[in-house]
Amino acid sequence: MRFEVENGKGTLIDRSGNSVSWIVYEILENQIHLIETHTATGFQGKGFAGKAVEEMIKHSEDRFEKIMVSCPYIKHWISKNRYESKKVEFTELLKLKESIDFFNRYHEPEAKAEYLDYASNSVRVRFSGYMCRTCGVYDYFEDIIQDVDAEVVDYQEADDDSFIVTYRLKKL
């Protein structure tokens, strides 16, 4: 196994050259922002994501003043491995992702929220389900940001009767 960090991605590569797990990141001044973790199809459940997180944390610890974490899996890894560092800081984006999970526990199947992507403090979330579209659909959009410093900036109904909602995080 080897670990490569370049172009916004920290990638764990097996001996055959397969990218088995990777972390998407961005660099903000002297901070690294760890956005999300992925594992390739067929490689899940084998510990590769944990190894990628471990390598990314090692890589980041000496290079950056802060390690900003927006990935629930990385937060879980930090807790499970009792990793302690004054450099690690959890973000509003992480709060939003956790809020989406909480929302789905209580609203699914009537309404389901799905994190789509993040770019420049802007987050897109898809809402689907058999929500009442006439009287309260906007309430669902606001529900997931009750404890998050964010605001709804746009929403559009998609062709599949879902809604794509764009949020602006007031701080990372």
Protein backbone atom coordinates (compact mmCIF):
# COMPACT_ATOMS: atom_id res chain seq x y z
CA MET A 1 0.00 0.00 0.00
CA ARG A 2 1.10 3.54 -0.68
CA PHE A 3 -0.52 6.90 0.01
CA GLU A 4 -0.37 9.83 -2.42
CA VAL A 5 -1.52 13.38 -1.78
CA GLU A 6 -2.12 15.62 -4.79
CA ASN A 7 -4.72 17.72 -6.58
CA GLY A 8 -7.22 17.84 -3.71
CA LYS A 9 -7.18 14.11 -3.06
CA GLY A 10 -5.30 11.89 -0.61
CA THR A 11 -5.39 8.40 -2.14
CA LEU A 12 -4.59 4.97 -0.72
CA ILE A 13 -3.33 2.74 -3.55
CA ASP A 14 -2.93 -1.03 -3.36
CA ARG A 15 -0.07 -3.10 -4.83
CA SER A 16 -1.99 -3.56 -8.09
CA GLY A 17 -2.28 0.21 -8.55
CA ASN A 18 -5.97 0.40 -7.62
CA SER A 19 -7.19 3.51 -5.81
CA VAL A 20 -8.98 1.78 -2.93
CA SER A 21 -9.89 4.74 -0.72
CA TRP A 22 -9.45 8.50 -0.89
CA ILE A 23 -10.10 11.72 0.99
CA VAL A 24 -11.18 14.88 -0.79
CA TYR A 25 -9.59 18.00 0.68
CA GLU A 26 -8.90 21.65 0.04
CA ILE A 27 -6.17 23.91 1.37
CA LEU A 28 -7.23 27.22 2.89
CA GLU A 29 -4.20 29.38 3.75
CA ASN A 30 -2.32 27.31 6.37
CA GLN A 31 -5.23 24.95 7.02
CA ILE A 32 -6.31 21.72 5.40
CA HIS A 33 -10.03 21.05 5.08
CA LEU A 34 -10.89 17.34 4.94
CA ILE A 35 -14.25 17.28 3.16
CA GLU A 36 -15.21 13.66 2.53
CA THR A 37 -13.95 10.08 2.47
CA HIS A 38 -14.67 7.51 -0.25
CA THR A 39 -13.92 3.84 -0.78
CA ALA A 40 -13.99 2.22 -4.21
CA THR A 41 -16.70 -0.35 -5.00
CA GLY A 42 -15.54 -3.82 -4.00
CA PHE A 43 -13.06 -2.53 -1.41
CA GLN A 44 -15.54 -1.53 1.34
CA GLY A 45 -15.35 -3.11 4.78
CA LYS A 46 -11.64 -3.95 4.58
CA GLY A 47 -10.25 -1.09 6.65
CA PHE A 48 -9.00 0.96 3.70
CA ALA A 49 -10.91 4.14 4.63
CA GLY A 50 -9.44 4.03 8.15
CA LYS A 51 -5.94 3.58 6.74
CA ALA A 52 -6.48 6.51 4.34
CA VAL A 53 -7.64 8.72 7.23
CA GLU A 54 -4.64 7.70 9.33
CA GLU A 55 -2.25 8.53 6.49
CA MET A 56 -3.99 11.84 5.73
CA ILE A 57 -3.85 12.91 9.39
CA LYS A 58 -0.13 12.00 9.53
CA HIS A 59 0.49 13.94 6.34
CA SER A 60 -1.42 16.99 7.62
CA GLU A 61 -0.23 17.16 11.24
CA ASP A 62 3.18 18.72 10.53
CA ARG A 63 2.24 20.70 7.42
CA PHE A 64 -0.76 22.72 8.58
CA GLU A 65 -1.74 24.89 11.55
CA LYS A 66 -5.29 23.48 11.54
CA ILE A 67 -6.96 20.32 10.33
CA MET A 68 -10.58 21.20 9.56
CA VAL A 69 -12.83 18.12 9.55
CA SER A 70 -16.11 18.06 7.61
CA CYS A 71 -16.43 14.29 7.19
CA PRO A 72 -18.48 12.25 9.68
CA TYR A 73 -16.31 9.18 9.01
CA ILE A 74 -13.12 11.10 9.87
CA LYS A 75 -14.77 12.40 13.06
CA HIS A 76 -15.70 8.80 13.94
CA TRP A 77 -12.13 7.62 13.22
CA ILE A 78 -10.69 10.37 15.45
CA SER A 79 -13.00 9.34 18.30
CA LYS A 80 -12.50 5.59 17.84
CA ASN A 81 -8.71 5.89 17.75
CA ARG A 82 -8.62 8.46 20.57
CA TYR A 83 -6.59 10.75 18.36
CA GLU A 84 -5.98 14.04 20.12
CA SER A 85 -4.60 17.16 18.56
CA LYS A 86 -5.20 20.83 19.21
CA LYS A 87 -5.01 21.29 15.44
CA VAL A 88 -8.26 19.40 14.72
CA GLU A 89 -11.42 21.49 14.41
CA PHE A 90 -14.88 20.30 13.42
CA THR A 91 -16.74 22.49 10.91
CA GLU A 92 -20.24 23.78 10.21
CA LEU A 93 -20.24 21.58 7.10
CA LEU A 94 -19.79 18.56 9.40
CA LYS A 95 -22.70 19.81 11.53
CA LEU A 96 -24.82 20.07 8.38
CA LYS A 97 -23.95 16.51 7.30
CA GLU A 98 -24.79 15.19 10.78
CA SER A 99 -28.02 17.19 10.74
CA ILE A 100 -28.97 15.52 7.44
CA ASP A 101 -28.52 12.09 9.06
CA PHE A 102 -30.64 13.17 12.03
CA PHE A 103 -33.32 14.60 9.70
CA ASN A 104 -33.52 11.32 7.77
CA ARG A 105 -33.96 9.25 10.94
CA TYR A 106 -37.15 11.14 11.78
CA HIS A 107 -38.57 12.14 8.40
CA GLU A 108 -37.86 9.27 6.04
CA PRO A 109 -39.68 8.05 3.90
CA GLU A 110 -41.91 11.15 3.87
CA ALA A 111 -38.87 13.32 3.23
CA LYS A 112 -35.26 12.34 2.64
CA ALA A 113 -32.27 14.69 2.46
CA GLU A 114 -29.12 13.72 0.59
CA TYR A 115 -25.83 15.65 0.69
CA LEU A 116 -24.70 16.23 -2.90
CA ASP A 117 -21.63 18.44 -2.88
CA TYR A 118 -19.70 21.33 -1.39
CA ALA A 119 -17.78 24.19 -3.02
CA SER A 120 -16.71 27.55 -1.59
CA ASN A 121 -19.03 27.53 1.46
CA SER A 122 -21.94 26.48 -0.73
CA VAL A 123 -23.63 23.12 -0.10
CA ARG A 124 -26.20 21.39 -2.27
CA VAL A 125 -28.71 18.95 -0.77
CA ARG A 126 -31.39 16.91 -2.58
CA PHE A 127 -34.78 16.50 -0.88
CA SER A 128 -37.05 13.71 -2.10
CA GLY A 129 -40.06 11.80 -0.85
CA TYR A 130 -43.79 12.37 -0.81
CA MET A 131 -43.60 15.72 0.99
CA CYS A 132 -46.53 18.09 0.91
CA ARG A 133 -45.44 20.47 -1.82
CA THR A 134 -48.11 23.11 -1.26
CA CYS A 135 -47.83 24.08 2.37
CA GLY A 136 -44.57 23.19 4.01
CA VAL A 137 -41.81 21.95 1.74
CA TYR A 138 -39.63 24.97 2.59
CA ASP A 139 -39.88 23.98 6.28
CA TYR A 140 -37.97 20.79 5.47
CA PHE A 141 -35.19 22.87 3.93
CA GLU A 142 -34.89 24.92 7.11
CA ASP A 143 -35.17 21.93 9.45
CA ILE A 144 -31.68 20.66 8.68
CA ILE A 145 -30.03 24.01 9.47
CA GLN A 146 -31.65 24.68 12.86
CA ASP A 147 -28.32 24.14 14.63
CA VAL A 148 -26.07 25.06 11.72
CA ASP A 149 -24.82 28.56 10.91
CA ALA A 150 -26.21 28.52 7.36
CA GLU A 151 -28.98 29.88 5.20
CA VAL A 152 -31.03 28.71 2.22
CA VAL A 153 -29.95 30.72 -0.83
CA ASP A 154 -31.75 28.84 -3.60
CA TYR A 155 -33.94 25.85 -4.34
CA GLN A 156 -35.28 24.34 -7.52
CA GLU A 157 -37.58 21.46 -8.29
CA ALA A 158 -35.80 18.80 -10.34
CA ASP A 159 -37.29 16.66 -13.12
CA ASP A 160 -37.68 13.70 -10.74
CA ASP A 161 -39.94 15.68 -8.33
CA SER A 162 -37.10 16.19 -5.88
CA PHE A 163 -35.75 19.57 -4.79
CA ILE A 164 -32.14 20.69 -5.02
CA VAL A 165 -31.46 23.17 -2.23
CA THR A 166 -28.36 25.34 -2.03
CA TYR A 167 -27.18 26.49 1.39
CA ARG A 168 -24.53 29.04 2.18
CA LEU A 169 -22.45 28.29 5.25
CA LYS A 170 -21.82 31.53 7.12
CA LYS A 171 -18.55 30.05 8.34
CA LEU A 172 -16.77 26.85 7.50
